Amino acid sequence: ILIVAPEVPARDRSSGELRFYTILKILSARYHIVFVALNPRRDQRDGQYRPDLEALGLEVYIQNYSFRKILSTHKFSAALIEFYFTAEHCLSNIRVLQPRCPIIVDSVDVHYYREWLKYKLTGAPEDLTKSLGTKKRELAVYQQADVVIAVTREDADVVLGEKPTIRFEIVPNIHPIEESFGQSKNKNDLIFIGNFKHQPNGDAVRYFCEEIFPLVRQQRPQMRMQVIGSGASKELERLGSDSVKFLGFVPSVTPYLRQSYISIAPLRYGAGMKGKIGEAMAHGLPVVTTSIGIQGLDLKHGENIMLGDTPGEFADSILELATDEQLYAKISENGMDYIKARFTPETIREEIFRILENIKSKPVKKISVPEKSRFFTQYIIQKCFKKETA
């Protein structure tokens, strides 16, 4: 199987990259994987994450390779491309050089939908322009793929409302269960986890610090929060105080989740599935979030999650969990049971294999004549340019 991604998955950096790495791990148990990174970061070129993939037995290409040569010297039974913008650069190559190879595009989340929800929040014309531009590009790619993977049915339905002929499969986030081993916890410890290159996370922390946390501390002035994740801006870090600590990147979030009492996810826009929520629940940690936070998750307030879509509601949910031990135990147990039933590697593995076996039995889409002409024109230009510079 050919796997094409912008970068090597840094599984300790974000839930999306952990999900992608886990999919690779599952696939490597049954298939030979050829992994190609189209735009690796410097730390990946230097080999920080490459050993993770090679330990799984993957054939890895990060630099100094010819993508067309890879396509000419291998025979692939399927290709999986991470993100629509990666597919923009390589889908035509695969269609021309491996015409019998079915192509799957993993959306990770529907980007234009996330951007549209940001526009609804901000009302900024530039956010609308960005969303509409992304929508045009994203839908064009999905229409060319044989299958598109979404992490939630909600994401799939958004796209199907625009292009009902696109074929979707669902592969959600994947979370191994981590028991807390009965560690004692301080009832005043909150935690937020998120990669701040993902804009909704920065907005969530700012919203919490400015509008929600003051309400919480009116009732419990001893409450404090740890913020974990790389990429926070200097402006965001200025919100830090004695009660709000920015820890940046940590090698493992597990010790922090085990020590914390409540995980918060005050998200105001986004798409896909929120890994921070599933990860906390897999550790038995109750979560307070918003309606945006539970997109694609059949979670219920007061049963397995606590919700708050206004600052007051969010603060009240935190205070309820901090003072009601029976509610706390109920949310903790039910949340972990919810993840166990739906999102562990064991429950997702067979679904991934089913998708691959099923796609191989379907007709493969053909590249259009104009697209094929563009491919060969670009190829000839590149060959002539190389000859001239030589």
Protein backbone atom coordinates (compact mmCIF):
# COMPACT_ATOMS: atom_id res chain seq x y z
CA ILE A 1 0.00 0.00 0.00
CA LEU A 2 1.23 3.48 -0.83
CA ILE A 3 0.86 6.05 1.96
CA VAL A 4 1.44 9.72 1.11
CA ALA A 5 1.48 12.41 3.80
CA PRO A 6 2.89 15.90 4.13
CA GLU A 7 5.10 14.80 7.02
CA VAL A 8 6.09 11.84 9.12
CA PRO A 9 3.45 11.56 11.87
CA ALA A 10 4.83 13.02 15.09
CA ARG A 11 2.62 10.90 17.33
CA ASP A 12 3.54 12.80 20.49
CA ARG A 13 2.49 16.19 19.05
CA SER A 14 -1.24 15.95 18.32
CA SER A 15 -4.17 13.53 18.40
CA GLY A 16 -4.48 13.65 14.60
CA GLU A 17 -0.89 12.54 14.13
CA LEU A 18 -1.32 9.83 16.78
CA ARG A 19 -4.42 8.59 14.92
CA PHE A 20 -2.51 8.50 11.64
CA TYR A 21 0.44 6.67 13.22
CA THR A 22 -1.95 4.14 14.76
CA ILE A 23 -3.55 3.52 11.34
CA LEU A 24 -0.07 2.89 9.90
CA LYS A 25 0.67 0.49 12.76
CA ILE A 26 -2.57 -1.42 12.10
CA LEU A 27 -1.94 -1.61 8.34
CA SER A 28 1.68 -2.72 8.75
CA ALA A 29 0.54 -5.92 10.45
CA ARG A 30 -1.06 -7.10 7.18
CA TYR A 31 0.47 -5.09 4.30
CA HIS A 32 3.83 -3.89 3.06
CA ILE A 33 3.69 -0.11 3.37
CA VAL A 34 5.61 2.37 1.22
CA PHE A 35 5.50 5.70 3.06
CA VAL A 36 6.28 8.97 1.26
CA ALA A 37 6.54 12.35 3.04
CA LEU A 38 6.06 15.17 0.54
CA ASN A 39 7.03 18.10 2.77
CA PRO A 40 8.96 16.92 5.83
CA ARG A 41 10.01 19.25 8.62
CA ARG A 42 13.72 19.58 9.37
CA ASP A 43 13.48 17.56 12.58
CA GLN A 44 11.95 14.72 10.55
CA ARG A 45 14.63 14.90 7.86
CA ASP A 46 17.14 14.56 10.69
CA GLY A 47 15.44 11.33 11.70
CA GLN A 48 13.52 12.18 14.88
CA TYR A 49 10.36 10.30 13.87
CA ARG A 50 11.54 8.13 11.00
CA PRO A 51 12.63 5.28 13.35
CA ASP A 52 9.02 4.98 14.57
CA LEU A 53 7.93 4.02 11.05
CA GLU A 54 10.93 1.84 10.24
CA ALA A 55 10.33 -0.10 13.47
CA LEU A 56 6.92 -1.02 11.99
CA GLY A 57 8.63 -2.37 8.86
CA LEU A 58 7.65 0.50 6.58
CA GLU A 59 9.68 1.41 3.48
CA VAL A 60 10.19 5.13 4.14
CA TYR A 61 10.98 7.96 1.72
CA ILE A 62 11.55 11.39 3.24
CA GLN A 63 14.11 13.11 1.00
CA ASN A 64 16.22 12.53 -2.11
CA TYR A 65 13.65 10.36 -3.88
CA SER A 66 11.68 10.49 -7.12
CA PHE A 67 7.96 10.06 -6.50
CA ARG A 68 7.39 9.03 -10.11
CA LYS A 69 10.16 6.44 -9.83
CA ILE A 70 8.46 4.98 -6.74
CA LEU A 71 5.23 4.73 -8.72
CA SER A 72 7.04 3.14 -11.66
CA THR A 73 8.89 0.49 -9.65
CA HIS A 74 6.14 -0.69 -7.28
CA LYS A 75 2.71 -2.18 -7.83
CA PHE A 76 0.24 -0.84 -5.28
CA SER A 77 -3.08 -2.41 -4.34
CA ALA A 78 -4.26 0.90 -2.82
CA ALA A 79 -3.02 4.40 -2.05
CA LEU A 80 -3.94 6.34 1.09
CA ILE A 81 -3.30 10.10 1.02
CA GLU A 82 -3.49 12.20 4.17
CA PHE A 83 -5.23 15.57 3.65
CA TYR A 84 -6.80 17.05 0.52
CA PHE A 85 -3.88 19.46 0.00
CA THR A 86 -1.43 16.54 -0.17
CA ALA A 87 -3.64 14.87 -2.77
CA GLU A 88 -3.54 18.03 -4.90
CA HIS A 89 0.16 17.38 -5.47
CA CYS A 90 0.19 13.64 -6.08
CA LEU A 91 -3.22 12.27 -7.08
CA SER A 92 -2.70 12.78 -10.83
CA ASN A 93 0.69 11.06 -10.68
CA ILE A 94 -0.89 7.99 -9.11
CA ARG A 95 -3.80 7.95 -11.57
CA VAL A 96 -1.49 8.06 -14.62
CA LEU A 97 1.30 5.75 -13.44
CA GLN A 98 -0.86 3.32 -11.41
CA PRO A 99 -4.23 3.43 -13.22
CA ARG A 100 -5.59 0.34 -11.41
CA CYS A 101 -4.72 1.63 -7.94
CA PRO A 102 -7.72 2.85 -5.93
CA ILE A 103 -7.10 6.12 -4.09
CA ILE A 104 -8.31 6.92 -0.59
CA VAL A 105 -8.08 10.46 0.78
CA ASP A 106 -8.14 10.81 4.57
CA SER A 107 -9.78 14.18 5.29
CA VAL A 108 -8.70 14.17 8.99
CA ASP A 109 -11.32 16.90 9.33
CA VAL A 110 -13.33 18.80 6.73
CA HIS A 111 -11.23 21.93 6.56
CA TYR A 112 -13.72 24.26 4.91
CA TYR A 113 -16.38 23.34 7.46
CA ARG A 114 -14.03 24.23 10.32
CA GLU A 115 -13.22 27.53 8.62
CA TRP A 116 -16.92 28.21 7.97
CA LEU A 117 -17.69 27.75 11.68
CA LYS A 118 -14.88 30.16 12.50
CA TYR A 119 -16.47 32.70 10.15
CA LYS A 120 -19.84 32.24 11.89
CA LEU A 121 -18.08 33.06 15.18
CA THR A 122 -16.02 36.02 13.99
CA GLY A 123 -18.07 37.43 11.10
CA ALA A 124 -14.74 38.45 9.52
CA PRO A 125 -14.89 38.71 5.69
CA GLU A 126 -11.41 37.20 5.38
CA ASP A 127 -12.59 34.08 7.24
CA LEU A 128 -15.48 33.70 4.77
CA THR A 129 -13.14 34.13 1.80
CA LYS A 130 -10.77 31.52 3.18
CA SER A 131 -13.58 29.03 3.81
CA LEU A 132 -15.01 29.39 0.30
CA GLY A 133 -11.58 29.02 -1.31
CA THR A 134 -10.81 25.90 0.73
CA LYS A 135 -14.23 24.47 -0.08
CA LYS A 136 -13.63 24.69 -3.83
CA ARG A 137 -10.23 22.97 -3.58
CA GLU A 138 -11.30 20.36 -1.04
CA LEU A 139 -14.44 19.23 -2.89
CA ALA A 140 -12.49 19.03 -6.18
CA VAL A 141 -10.07 16.56 -4.58
CA TYR A 142 -12.76 14.48 -2.88
CA GLN A 143 -14.58 14.07 -6.19
CA GLN A 144 -11.44 12.60 -7.75
CA ALA A 145 -10.85 10.06 -4.95
CA ASP A 146 -12.34 6.57 -4.97
CA VAL A 147 -13.08 6.85 -1.24
CA VAL A 148 -12.85 9.68 1.28
CA ILE A 149 -12.34 8.93 4.96
CA ALA A 150 -14.00 11.16 7.54
CA VAL A 151 -13.53 10.92 11.28
CA THR A 152 -17.20 11.61 11.99
CA ARG A 153 -20.52 11.08 10.24
CA GLU A 154 -21.21 14.79 10.73
CA ASP A 155 -18.16 15.71 8.63
CA ALA A 156 -19.21 13.24 5.93
CA ASP A 157 -22.77 14.59 5.85
CA VAL A 158 -21.51 18.17 5.41
CA VAL A 159 -19.67 17.16 2.23
CA LEU A 160 -22.44 14.88 1.00
CA GLY A 161 -24.84 17.80 1.25
CA GLU A 162 -22.73 19.46 -1.47
CA LYS A 163 -21.60 16.41 -3.47
CA PRO A 164 -23.83 13.39 -2.77
CA THR A 165 -21.93 11.04 -5.11
CA ILE A 166 -18.72 11.07 -3.05
CA ARG A 167 -18.15 7.74 -1.32
CA PHE A 168 -17.34 8.07 2.40
CA GLU A 169 -16.07 5.72 5.06
CA ILE A 170 -15.65 6.60 8.75
CA VAL A 171 -12.43 6.01 10.69
CA PRO A 172 -12.59 7.92 13.99
CA ASN A 173 -9.86 8.84 16.43
CA ILE A 174 -8.22 5.87 18.11
CA HIS A 175 -7.49 5.80 21.83
CA PRO A 176 -5.85 3.06 23.90
CA ILE A 177 -7.30 2.82 27.40
CA GLU A 178 -5.04 4.14 30.17
CA GLU A 179 -6.08 3.26 33.73
CA SER A 180 -5.38 5.90 36.38
CA PHE A 181 -4.26 3.32 38.98
CA GLY A 182 -6.24 5.05 41.71
CA GLN A 183 -3.90 8.03 41.99
CA SER A 184 -5.03 10.73 44.38
CA LYS A 185 -5.96 13.96 42.61
CA ASN A 186 -6.27 17.56 43.68
CA LYS A 187 -9.86 18.68 43.03
CA ASN A 188 -8.61 22.10 41.95
CA ASP A 189 -6.44 20.95 39.05
CA LEU A 190 -7.72 21.56 35.52
CA ILE A 191 -5.90 20.62 32.31
CA PHE A 192 -6.09 21.73 28.70
CA ILE A 193 -4.18 19.84 25.97
CA GLY A 194 -3.81 21.02 22.40
CA ASN A 195 -1.38 21.77 19.60
CA PHE A 196 -1.55 25.53 19.11
CA LYS A 197 -0.73 25.38 15.42
CA HIS A 198 -4.40 24.37 15.25
CA GLN A 199 -6.18 27.73 15.60
CA PRO A 200 -9.29 26.57 17.51
CA ASN A 201 -7.05 25.62 20.46
CA GLY A 202 -5.63 29.10 20.90
CA ASP A 203 -9.10 30.61 20.69
CA ALA A 204 -10.37 28.11 23.29
CA VAL A 205 -7.67 28.94 25.85
CA ARG A 206 -8.12 32.70 25.37
CA TYR A 207 -11.91 32.34 25.74
CA PHE A 208 -11.49 30.26 28.90
CA CYS A 209 -8.97 32.58 30.57
CA GLU A 210 -10.86 35.77 29.75
CA GLU A 211 -14.50 34.75 30.15
CA ILE A 212 -14.87 31.45 32.04
CA PHE A 213 -12.04 31.12 34.55
CA PRO A 214 -12.88 34.36 36.41
CA LEU A 215 -16.36 32.92 37.09
CA VAL A 216 -14.87 29.66 38.37
CA ARG A 217 -12.41 31.43 40.66
CA GLN A 218 -15.16 33.56 42.17
CA GLN A 219 -16.47 30.33 43.71
CA ARG A 220 -13.17 28.43 44.04
CA PRO A 221 -10.22 30.84 44.08
CA GLN A 222 -7.85 27.92 44.59
CA MET A 223 -8.61 26.50 41.11
CA ARG A 224 -5.63 26.34 38.72
CA MET A 225 -5.01 25.14 35.19
CA GLN A 226 -2.11 23.59 33.28
CA VAL A 227 -1.98 24.21 29.53
CA ILE A 228 -0.01 21.60 27.55
CA GLY A 229 0.90 21.80 23.88
CA SER A 230 3.46 23.19 21.49
CA GLY A 231 3.19 26.31 19.36
CA ALA A 232 1.48 28.74 21.76
CA SER A 233 2.03 32.35 20.70
CA LYS A 234 3.71 34.91 22.95
CA GLU A 235 0.40 36.76 23.06
CA LEU A 236 -1.37 33.63 24.34
CA GLU A 237 1.34 32.87 26.90
CA ARG A 238 0.85 36.35 28.36
CA LEU A 239 -2.41 34.99 29.76
CA GLY A 240 -0.32 32.85 32.11
CA SER A 241 -0.40 33.59 35.84
CA ASP A 242 -0.02 31.89 39.20
CA SER A 243 -3.21 29.99 38.39
CA VAL A 244 -2.60 29.36 34.65
CA LYS A 245 0.64 27.63 33.70
CA PHE A 246 1.77 27.12 30.09
CA LEU A 247 3.98 24.03 30.02
CA GLY A 248 4.54 23.80 26.25
CA PHE A 249 5.40 20.44 24.70
CA VAL A 250 5.77 17.45 27.04
CA PRO A 251 7.04 13.99 25.96
CA SER A 252 3.96 12.27 27.41
CA VAL A 253 0.64 13.74 28.54
CA THR A 254 -0.27 10.63 30.56
CA PRO A 255 1.33 11.72 33.87
CA TYR A 256 -0.45 15.08 33.63
CA LEU A 257 -3.81 13.51 32.85
CA ARG A 258 -3.40 11.15 35.80
CA GLN A 259 -2.65 14.04 38.17
CA SER A 260 -5.43 16.36 36.94
CA TYR A 261 -9.02 16.34 38.16
CA ILE A 262 -10.91 17.75 35.17
CA SER A 263 -10.02 18.14 31.48
CA ILE A 264 -11.46 21.21 29.76
CA ALA A 265 -12.09 21.80 26.04
CA PRO A 266 -13.85 25.19 25.66
CA LEU A 267 -13.87 25.05 21.86
CA ARG A 268 -15.93 27.62 19.95
CA TYR A 269 -15.36 26.31 16.41
CA GLY A 270 -13.86 23.25 14.72
CA ALA A 271 -14.64 20.11 12.77
CA GLY A 272 -13.78 16.44 12.93
CA MET A 273 -13.32 14.64 16.24
CA LYS A 274 -11.55 16.26 19.16
CA GLY A 275 -8.72 14.01 20.27
CA LYS A 276 -8.19 15.83 23.55
CA ILE A 277 -11.68 14.74 24.64
CA GLY A 278 -11.32 11.06 23.76
CA GLU A 279 -7.81 10.97 25.21
CA ALA A 280 -8.95 12.36 28.57
CA MET A 281 -11.93 9.99 28.70
CA ALA A 282 -9.64 7.05 27.90
CA HIS A 283 -7.72 8.00 31.06
CA GLY A 284 -10.93 8.09 33.11
CA LEU A 285 -10.75 11.89 33.35
CA PRO A 286 -14.09 13.75 33.22
CA VAL A 287 -14.32 16.39 30.49
CA VAL A 288 -16.10 19.73 30.36
CA THR A 289 -16.58 20.97 26.81
CA THR A 290 -18.99 22.67 24.39
CA SER A 291 -21.37 21.45 21.69
CA ILE A 292 -18.50 21.98 19.21
CA GLY A 293 -16.31 19.73 21.34
CA ILE A 294 -18.64 16.77 20.99
CA GLN A 295 -19.09 16.97 17.19
CA GLY A 296 -19.46 13.41 15.92
CA LEU A 297 -19.71 11.97 19.44
CA ASP A 298 -22.95 10.67 20.91
CA LEU A 299 -22.22 12.07 24.37
CA LYS A 300 -24.80 13.31 26.87
CA HIS A 301 -24.49 16.04 29.44
CA GLY A 302 -24.51 14.66 32.97
CA GLU A 303 -24.07 11.06 31.76
CA ASN A 304 -20.60 10.79 30.24
CA ILE A 305 -19.63 14.44 29.60
CA MET A 306 -20.31 17.90 31.00
CA LEU A 307 -21.32 20.68 28.62
CA GLY A 308 -21.42 24.46 28.67
CA ASP A 309 -21.99 26.68 25.65
CA THR A 310 -21.93 29.95 27.59
CA PRO A 311 -19.24 31.09 30.06
CA GLY A 312 -21.69 30.65 32.94
CA GLU A 313 -22.76 27.15 31.89
CA PHE A 314 -19.15 26.08 31.40
CA ALA A 315 -18.10 27.42 34.81
CA ASP A 316 -21.09 25.73 36.48
CA SER A 317 -20.15 22.36 34.95
CA ILE A 318 -16.61 22.63 36.30
CA LEU A 319 -17.87 23.57 39.76
CA GLU A 320 -20.41 20.71 39.78
CA LEU A 321 -17.69 18.16 39.05
CA ALA A 322 -15.40 19.66 41.66
CA THR A 323 -18.04 19.45 44.41
CA ASP A 324 -20.17 16.40 43.58
CA GLU A 325 -18.15 13.20 44.02
CA GLN A 326 -20.98 10.93 42.84
CA LEU A 327 -21.35 12.89 39.60
CA TYR A 328 -17.59 12.87 39.15
CA ALA A 329 -17.40 9.06 39.50
CA LYS A 330 -20.33 8.58 37.12
CA ILE A 331 -18.85 10.79 34.37
CA SER A 332 -15.43 9.18 34.78
CA GLU A 333 -16.68 5.58 34.53
CA ASN A 334 -19.20 6.17 31.76
CA GLY A 335 -16.72 8.19 29.72
CA MET A 336 -14.11 5.43 29.80
CA ASP A 337 -16.74 2.81 28.92
CA TYR A 338 -17.80 4.93 25.94
CA ILE A 339 -14.23 4.99 24.56
CA LYS A 340 -13.70 1.27 25.23
CA ALA A 341 -16.79 0.39 23.21
CA ARG A 342 -15.98 2.51 20.15
CA PHE A 343 -12.48 3.91 19.75
CA THR A 344 -9.77 1.50 20.88
CA PRO A 345 -7.30 0.04 18.32
CA GLU A 346 -9.00 -3.32 18.71
CA THR A 347 -12.44 -1.97 17.77
CA ILE A 348 -11.16 0.06 14.78
CA ARG A 349 -8.73 -2.49 13.28
CA GLU A 350 -11.22 -4.69 11.42
CA GLU A 351 -13.07 -1.66 10.06
CA ILE A 352 -9.86 -0.40 8.46
CA PHE A 353 -9.19 -3.79 6.87
CA ARG A 354 -12.80 -3.97 5.65
CA ILE A 355 -12.46 -0.59 3.92
CA LEU A 356 -9.32 -1.69 2.10
CA GLU A 357 -10.64 -5.04 1.00
CA ASN A 358 -13.92 -3.48 -0.13
CA ILE A 359 -12.28 -0.74 -2.21
CA LYS A 360 -10.22 -3.28 -4.15
CA SER A 361 -13.43 -4.89 -5.41
CA LYS A 362 -14.84 -1.64 -6.84
CA PRO A 363 -14.05 0.00 -10.21
CA VAL A 364 -11.27 2.58 -10.02
CA LYS A 365 -11.99 6.13 -11.20
CA LYS A 366 -10.24 7.22 -14.38
CA ILE A 367 -8.26 10.41 -14.80
CA SER A 368 -9.90 12.96 -17.09
CA VAL A 369 -8.35 13.73 -20.47
CA PRO A 370 -7.56 17.40 -19.57
CA GLU A 371 -5.95 16.30 -16.30
CA LYS A 372 -3.91 13.67 -18.11
CA SER A 373 -2.77 16.28 -20.66
CA ARG A 374 -1.71 18.62 -17.85
CA PHE A 375 0.25 15.81 -16.23
CA PHE A 376 2.25 15.03 -19.37
CA THR A 377 2.79 18.72 -20.14
CA GLN A 378 4.25 19.28 -16.68
CA TYR A 379 6.35 16.15 -17.03
CA ILE A 380 7.84 17.31 -20.35
CA ILE A 381 8.54 20.80 -18.99
CA GLN A 382 10.33 19.36 -15.97
CA LYS A 383 12.43 17.05 -18.11
CA CYS A 384 13.42 19.92 -20.43
CA PHE A 385 14.23 22.18 -17.49
CA LYS A 386 16.48 19.54 -15.94
CA LYS A 387 18.24 19.00 -19.25
CA GLU A 388 18.76 22.76 -19.72
CA THR A 389 20.16 23.31 -16.22
CA ALA A 390 22.44 20.30 -16.60
